[in-house]
Amino acid sequence: MSALRRAGRWVRWYVREFTDESAYERYVAHVRQHEGPSAPVPSRREFERTRADAREGDPREGFRCC
């Protein structure tokens, strides 16, 4: 694998981790590991809605613009 391709993969991984875009994949892996492969998992939209509601409900978690 070329150095440029490795660098590109690293940058992509870093940006996904920094922006927390990979949070859903980590959540699904966690559920599958602890509850089994047939455990129900919410859709990505439901997951993001739950995270947003939790963030807005906890003032220590960050700031809200409105």
PDB file of N, CA and C in Angstrom:
ATOM      1  N   MET A   1       0.851  -1.171   0.000  1.00  0.00           N
ATOM      2  CA  MET A   1       0.000   0.000   0.000  1.00  0.00           C
ATOM      3  C   MET A   1       0.898   1.235   0.000  1.00  0.00           C
ATOM      4  N   SER A   2       0.537   2.180  -0.799  1.00  0.00           N
ATOM      5  CA  SER A   2       1.377   3.369  -0.919  1.00  0.00           C
ATOM      6  C   SER A   2       1.241   4.257   0.310  1.00  0.00           C
ATOM      7  N   ALA A   3       2.246   5.055   0.509  1.00  0.00           N
ATOM      8  CA  ALA A   3       2.239   5.970   1.652  1.00  0.00           C
ATOM      9  C   ALA A   3       1.105   6.981   1.533  1.00  0.00           C
ATOM     10  N   LEU A   4       0.798   7.397   0.325  1.00  0.00           N
ATOM     11  CA  LEU A   4      -0.282   8.366   0.123  1.00  0.00           C
ATOM     12  C   LEU A   4      -1.631   7.768   0.497  1.00  0.00           C
ATOM     13  N   ARG A   5      -1.838   6.518   0.128  1.00  0.00           N
ATOM     14  CA  ARG A   5      -3.095   5.854   0.483  1.00  0.00           C
ATOM     15  C   ARG A   5      -3.211   5.670   1.992  1.00  0.00           C
ATOM     16  N   ARG A   6      -2.111   5.278   2.626  1.00  0.00           N
ATOM     17  CA  ARG A   6      -2.120   5.129   4.096  1.00  0.00           C
ATOM     18  C   ARG A   6      -2.423   6.456   4.759  1.00  0.00           C
ATOM     19  N   ALA A   7      -1.809   7.523   4.274  1.00  0.00           N
ATOM     20  CA  ALA A   7      -2.049   8.852   4.842  1.00  0.00           C
ATOM     21  C   ALA A   7      -3.510   9.248   4.661  1.00  0.00           C
ATOM     22  N   GLY A   8      -4.079   8.965   3.507  1.00  0.00           N
ATOM     23  CA  GLY A   8      -5.489   9.276   3.255  1.00  0.00           C
ATOM     24  C   GLY A   8      -6.413   8.520   4.186  1.00  0.00           C
ATOM     25  N   ARG A   9      -6.114   7.242   4.414  1.00  0.00           N
ATOM     26  CA  ARG A   9      -6.931   6.451   5.341  1.00  0.00           C
ATOM     27  C   ARG A   9      -6.830   6.985   6.768  1.00  0.00           C
ATOM     28  N   TRP A  10      -5.641   7.382   7.158  1.00  0.00           N
ATOM     29  CA  TRP A  10      -5.457   7.928   8.499  1.00  0.00           C
ATOM     30  C   TRP A  10      -6.235   9.232   8.656  1.00  0.00           C
ATOM     31  N   VAL A  11      -6.160  10.098   7.653  1.00  0.00           N
ATOM     32  CA  VAL A  11      -6.880  11.377   7.716  1.00  0.00           C
ATOM     33  C   VAL A  11      -8.381  11.122   7.807  1.00  0.00           C
ATOM     34  N   ARG A  12      -8.880  10.191   6.987  1.00  0.00           N
ATOM     35  CA  ARG A  12     -10.310   9.866   7.036  1.00  0.00           C
ATOM     36  C   ARG A  12     -10.694   9.351   8.411  1.00  0.00           C
ATOM     37  N   TRP A  13      -9.907   8.434   8.982  1.00  0.00           N
ATOM     38  CA  TRP A  13     -10.188   7.910  10.319  1.00  0.00           C
ATOM     39  C   TRP A  13     -10.178   9.040  11.348  1.00  0.00           C
ATOM     40  N   TYR A  14      -9.172   9.895  11.280  1.00  0.00           N
ATOM     41  CA  TYR A  14      -9.037  10.979  12.249  1.00  0.00           C
ATOM     42  C   TYR A  14     -10.240  11.924  12.186  1.00  0.00           C
ATOM     43  N   VAL A  15     -10.656  12.300  10.992  1.00  0.00           N
ATOM     44  CA  VAL A  15     -11.793  13.223  10.848  1.00  0.00           C
ATOM     45  C   VAL A  15     -13.069  12.572  11.372  1.00  0.00           C
ATOM     46  N   ARG A  16     -13.282  11.290  11.060  1.00  0.00           N
ATOM     47  CA  ARG A  16     -14.477  10.595  11.563  1.00  0.00           C
ATOM     48  C   ARG A  16     -14.483  10.520  13.083  1.00  0.00           C
ATOM     49  N   GLU A  17     -13.329  10.274  13.686  1.00  0.00           N
ATOM     50  CA  GLU A  17     -13.259  10.229  15.149  1.00  0.00           C
ATOM     51  C   GLU A  17     -13.411  11.619  15.759  1.00  0.00           C
ATOM     52  N   PHE A  18     -12.791  12.603  15.161  1.00  0.00           N
ATOM     53  CA  PHE A  18     -12.848  13.970  15.679  1.00  0.00           C
ATOM     54  C   PHE A  18     -14.274  14.523  15.631  1.00  0.00           C
ATOM     55  N   THR A  19     -14.993  14.248  14.554  1.00  0.00           N
ATOM     56  CA  THR A  19     -16.357  14.748  14.412  1.00  0.00           C
ATOM     57  C   THR A  19     -17.380  13.804  15.043  1.00  0.00           C
ATOM     58  N   ASP A  20     -16.932  12.679  15.555  1.00  0.00           N
ATOM     59  CA  ASP A  20     -17.768  11.654  16.191  1.00  0.00           C
ATOM     60  C   ASP A  20     -18.752  11.020  15.213  1.00  0.00           C
ATOM     61  N   GLU A  21     -18.392  11.028  13.941  1.00  0.00           N
ATOM     62  CA  GLU A  21     -19.223  10.403  12.919  1.00  0.00           C
ATOM     63  C   GLU A  21     -19.273   8.892  13.098  1.00  0.00           C
ATOM     64  N   SER A  22     -18.265   8.327  13.705  1.00  0.00           N
ATOM     65  CA  SER A  22     -18.199   6.875  13.871  1.00  0.00           C
ATOM     66  C   SER A  22     -18.886   6.397  15.152  1.00  0.00           C
ATOM     67  N   ALA A  23     -19.564   7.276  15.867  1.00  0.00           N
ATOM     68  CA  ALA A  23     -20.206   6.906  17.131  1.00  0.00           C
ATOM     69  C   ALA A  23     -21.265   5.817  16.939  1.00  0.00           C
ATOM     70  N   TYR A  24     -22.042   5.899  15.853  1.00  0.00           N
ATOM     71  CA  TYR A  24     -23.087   4.899  15.623  1.00  0.00           C
ATOM     72  C   TYR A  24     -22.478   3.525  15.393  1.00  0.00           C
ATOM     73  N   GLU A  25     -21.405   3.444  14.608  1.00  0.00           N
ATOM     74  CA  GLU A  25     -20.770   2.155  14.370  1.00  0.00           C
ATOM     75  C   GLU A  25     -20.224   1.565  15.673  1.00  0.00           C
ATOM     76  N   ARG A  26     -19.648   2.411  16.518  1.00  0.00           N
ATOM     77  CA  ARG A  26     -19.162   1.933  17.817  1.00  0.00           C
ATOM     78  C   ARG A  26     -20.310   1.441  18.685  1.00  0.00           C
ATOM     79  N   TYR A  27     -21.438   2.159  18.651  1.00  0.00           N
ATOM     80  CA  TYR A  27     -22.606   1.766  19.430  1.00  0.00           C
ATOM     81  C   TYR A  27     -23.145   0.412  18.970  1.00  0.00           C
ATOM     82  N   VAL A  28     -23.276   0.239  17.674  1.00  0.00           N
ATOM     83  CA  VAL A  28     -23.779  -1.030  17.131  1.00  0.00           C
ATOM     84  C   VAL A  28     -22.844  -2.169  17.513  1.00  0.00           C
ATOM     85  N   ALA A  29     -21.548  -1.964  17.395  1.00  0.00           N
ATOM     86  CA  ALA A  29     -20.585  -3.005  17.772  1.00  0.00           C
ATOM     87  C   ALA A  29     -20.712  -3.343  19.253  1.00  0.00           C
ATOM     88  N   HIS A  30     -20.915  -2.344  20.085  1.00  0.00           N
ATOM     89  CA  HIS A  30     -21.068  -2.560  21.527  1.00  0.00           C
ATOM     90  C   HIS A  30     -22.317  -3.391  21.815  1.00  0.00           C
ATOM     91  N   VAL A  31     -23.438  -3.029  21.196  1.00  0.00           N
ATOM     92  CA  VAL A  31     -24.680  -3.778  21.404  1.00  0.00           C
ATOM     93  C   VAL A  31     -24.518  -5.212  20.941  1.00  0.00           C
ATOM     94  N   ARG A  32     -23.936  -5.405  19.763  1.00  0.00           N
ATOM     95  CA  ARG A  32     -23.751  -6.758  19.231  1.00  0.00           C
ATOM     96  C   ARG A  32     -22.845  -7.594  20.135  1.00  0.00           C
ATOM     97  N   GLN A  33     -21.830  -6.978  20.697  1.00  0.00           N
ATOM     98  CA  GLN A  33     -20.893  -7.708  21.549  1.00  0.00           C
ATOM     99  C   GLN A  33     -21.535  -8.103  22.877  1.00  0.00           C
ATOM    100  N   HIS A  34     -22.315  -7.199  23.461  1.00  0.00           N
ATOM    101  CA  HIS A  34     -22.843  -7.449  24.799  1.00  0.00           C
ATOM    102  C   HIS A  34     -24.236  -8.074  24.826  1.00  0.00           C
ATOM    103  N   GLU A  35     -25.012  -7.889  23.765  1.00  0.00           N
ATOM    104  CA  GLU A  35     -26.380  -8.411  23.762  1.00  0.00           C
ATOM    105  C   GLU A  35     -26.610  -9.471  22.704  1.00  0.00           C
ATOM    106  N   GLY A  36     -25.630  -9.724  21.871  1.00  0.00           N
ATOM    107  CA  GLY A  36     -25.750 -10.765  20.861  1.00  0.00           C
ATOM    108  C   GLY A  36     -26.063 -10.204  19.487  1.00  0.00           C
ATOM    109  N   PRO A  37     -25.790 -10.996  18.464  1.00  0.00           N
ATOM    110  CA  PRO A  37     -25.958 -10.515  17.088  1.00  0.00           C
ATOM    111  C   PRO A  37     -27.407 -10.281  16.679  1.00  0.00           C
ATOM    112  N   SER A  38     -28.368 -10.856  17.388  1.00  0.00           N
ATOM    113  CA  SER A  38     -29.770 -10.673  17.009  1.00  0.00           C
ATOM    114  C   SER A  38     -30.463  -9.593  17.839  1.00  0.00           C
ATOM    115  N   ALA A  39     -29.716  -8.895  18.663  1.00  0.00           N
ATOM    116  CA  ALA A  39     -30.304  -7.841  19.503  1.00  0.00           C
ATOM    117  C   ALA A  39     -30.799  -6.687  18.637  1.00  0.00           C
ATOM    118  N   PRO A  40     -31.938  -6.110  19.018  1.00  0.00           N
ATOM    119  CA  PRO A  40     -32.455  -4.974  18.236  1.00  0.00           C
ATOM    120  C   PRO A  40     -31.559  -3.742  18.413  1.00  0.00           C
ATOM    121  N   VAL A  41     -31.334  -3.056  17.315  1.00  0.00           N
ATOM    122  CA  VAL A  41     -30.503  -1.848  17.319  1.00  0.00           C
ATOM    123  C   VAL A  41     -31.322  -0.729  16.680  1.00  0.00           C
ATOM    124  N   PRO A  42     -31.370   0.448  17.303  1.00  0.00           N
ATOM    125  CA  PRO A  42     -32.122   1.538  16.686  1.00  0.00           C
ATOM    126  C   PRO A  42     -31.484   1.975  15.372  1.00  0.00           C
ATOM    127  N   SER A  43     -32.275   2.598  14.531  1.00  0.00           N
ATOM    128  CA  SER A  43     -31.733   3.116  13.278  1.00  0.00           C
ATOM    129  C   SER A  43     -30.762   4.249  13.593  1.00  0.00           C
ATOM    130  N   ARG A  44     -29.976   4.621  12.608  1.00  0.00           N
ATOM    131  CA  ARG A  44     -29.030   5.720  12.822  1.00  0.00           C
ATOM    132  C   ARG A  44     -29.769   7.005  13.179  1.00  0.00           C
ATOM    133  N   ARG A  45     -30.888   7.248  12.537  1.00  0.00           N
ATOM    134  CA  ARG A  45     -31.678   8.447  12.827  1.00  0.00           C
ATOM    135  C   ARG A  45     -32.165   8.448  14.277  1.00  0.00           C
ATOM    136  N   GLU A  46     -32.676   7.308  14.751  1.00  0.00           N
ATOM    137  CA  GLU A  46     -33.127   7.212  16.144  1.00  0.00           C
ATOM    138  C   GLU A  46     -31.955   7.414  17.102  1.00  0.00           C
ATOM    139  N   PHE A  47     -30.821   6.823  16.767  1.00  0.00           N
ATOM    140  CA  PHE A  47     -29.622   6.968  17.593  1.00  0.00           C
ATOM    141  C   PHE A  47     -29.207   8.431  17.705  1.00  0.00           C
ATOM    142  N   GLU A  48     -29.156   9.122  16.563  1.00  0.00           N
ATOM    143  CA  GLU A  48     -28.754  10.535  16.568  1.00  0.00           C
ATOM    144  C   GLU A  48     -29.766  11.395  17.315  1.00  0.00           C
ATOM    145  N   ARG A  49     -31.062  11.097  17.180  1.00  0.00           N
ATOM    146  CA  ARG A  49     -32.099  11.859  17.880  1.00  0.00           C
ATOM    147  C   ARG A  49     -31.946  11.690  19.385  1.00  0.00           C
ATOM    148  N   THR A  50     -31.693  10.471  19.826  1.00  0.00           N
ATOM    149  CA  THR A  50     -31.500  10.200  21.254  1.00  0.00           C
ATOM    150  C   THR A  50     -30.277  10.950  21.776  1.00  0.00           C
ATOM    151  N   ARG A  51     -29.187  10.944  21.001  1.00  0.00           N
ATOM    152  CA  ARG A  51     -27.978  11.672  21.413  1.00  0.00           C
ATOM    153  C   ARG A  51     -28.236  13.166  21.501  1.00  0.00           C
ATOM    154  N   ALA A  52     -28.941  13.700  20.515  1.00  0.00           N
ATOM    155  CA  ALA A  52     -29.239  15.140  20.509  1.00  0.00           C
ATOM    156  C   ALA A  52     -30.124  15.512  21.693  1.00  0.00           C
ATOM    157  N   ASP A  53     -31.130  14.701  21.977  1.00  0.00           N
ATOM    158  CA  ASP A  53     -32.005  14.967  23.122  1.00  0.00           C
ATOM    159  C   ASP A  53     -31.220  14.928  24.424  1.00  0.00           C
ATOM    160  N   ALA A  54     -30.317  13.959  24.551  1.00  0.00           N
ATOM    161  CA  ALA A  54     -29.510  13.853  25.771  1.00  0.00           C
ATOM    162  C   ALA A  54     -28.588  15.062  25.919  1.00  0.00           C
ATOM    163  N   ARG A  55     -27.994  15.498  24.810  1.00  0.00           N
ATOM    164  CA  ARG A  55     -27.113  16.669  24.851  1.00  0.00           C
ATOM    165  C   ARG A  55     -27.872  17.924  25.251  1.00  0.00           C
ATOM    166  N   GLU A  56     -29.064  18.109  24.710  1.00  0.00           N
ATOM    167  CA  GLU A  56     -29.852  19.293  25.014  1.00  0.00           C
ATOM    168  C   GLU A  56     -30.393  19.269  26.432  1.00  0.00           C
ATOM    169  N   GLY A  57     -30.594  18.091  26.972  1.00  0.00           N
ATOM    170  CA  GLY A  57     -31.141  17.968  28.312  1.00  0.00           C
ATOM    171  C   GLY A  57     -30.118  18.107  29.418  1.00  0.00           C
ATOM    172  N   ASP A  58     -28.848  17.993  29.113  1.00  0.00           N
ATOM    173  CA  ASP A  58     -27.795  18.041  30.125  1.00  0.00           C
ATOM    174  C   ASP A  58     -26.924  19.276  29.900  1.00  0.00           C
ATOM    175  N   PRO A  59     -27.106  20.316  30.707  1.00  0.00           N
ATOM    176  CA  PRO A  59     -26.344  21.549  30.491  1.00  0.00           C
ATOM    177  C   PRO A  59     -24.834  21.385  30.703  1.00  0.00           C
ATOM    178  N   ARG A  60     -24.420  20.352  31.425  1.00  0.00           N
ATOM    179  CA  ARG A  60     -22.979  20.128  31.648  1.00  0.00           C
ATOM    180  C   ARG A  60     -22.309  19.546  30.418  1.00  0.00           C
ATOM    181  N   GLU A  61     -23.103  18.988  29.497  1.00  0.00           N
ATOM    182  CA  GLU A  61     -22.575  18.288  28.328  1.00  0.00           C
ATOM    183  C   GLU A  61     -22.073  19.255  27.253  1.00  0.00           C
ATOM    184  N   GLY A  62     -22.392  20.483  27.347  1.00  0.00           N
ATOM    185  CA  GLY A  62     -21.958  21.421  26.323  1.00  0.00           C
ATOM    186  C   GLY A  62     -22.816  22.666  26.364  1.00  0.00           C
ATOM    187  N   PHE A  63     -22.835  23.389  25.290  1.00  0.00           N
ATOM    188  CA  PHE A  63     -23.642  24.588  25.261  1.00  0.00           C
ATOM    189  C   PHE A  63     -24.690  24.475  24.168  1.00  0.00           C
ATOM    190  N   ARG A  64     -25.747  25.237  24.355  1.00  0.00           N
ATOM    191  CA  ARG A  64     -26.797  25.292  23.355  1.00  0.00           C
ATOM    192  C   ARG A  64     -26.862  26.703  22.824  1.00  0.00           C
ATOM    193  N   CYS A  65     -27.118  26.798  21.557  1.00  0.00           N
ATOM    194  CA  CYS A  65     -27.173  28.145  20.963  1.00  0.00           C
ATOM    195  C   CYS A  65     -28.510  28.816  21.224  1.00  0.00           C
ATOM    196  N   CYS A  66     -29.551  28.051  21.475  1.00  0.00           N
ATOM    197  CA  CYS A  66     -30.886  28.651  21.602  1.00  0.00           C
ATOM    198  C   CYS A  66     -31.544  28.300  22.916  1.00  0.00           C
TER     199      CYS A  66
END
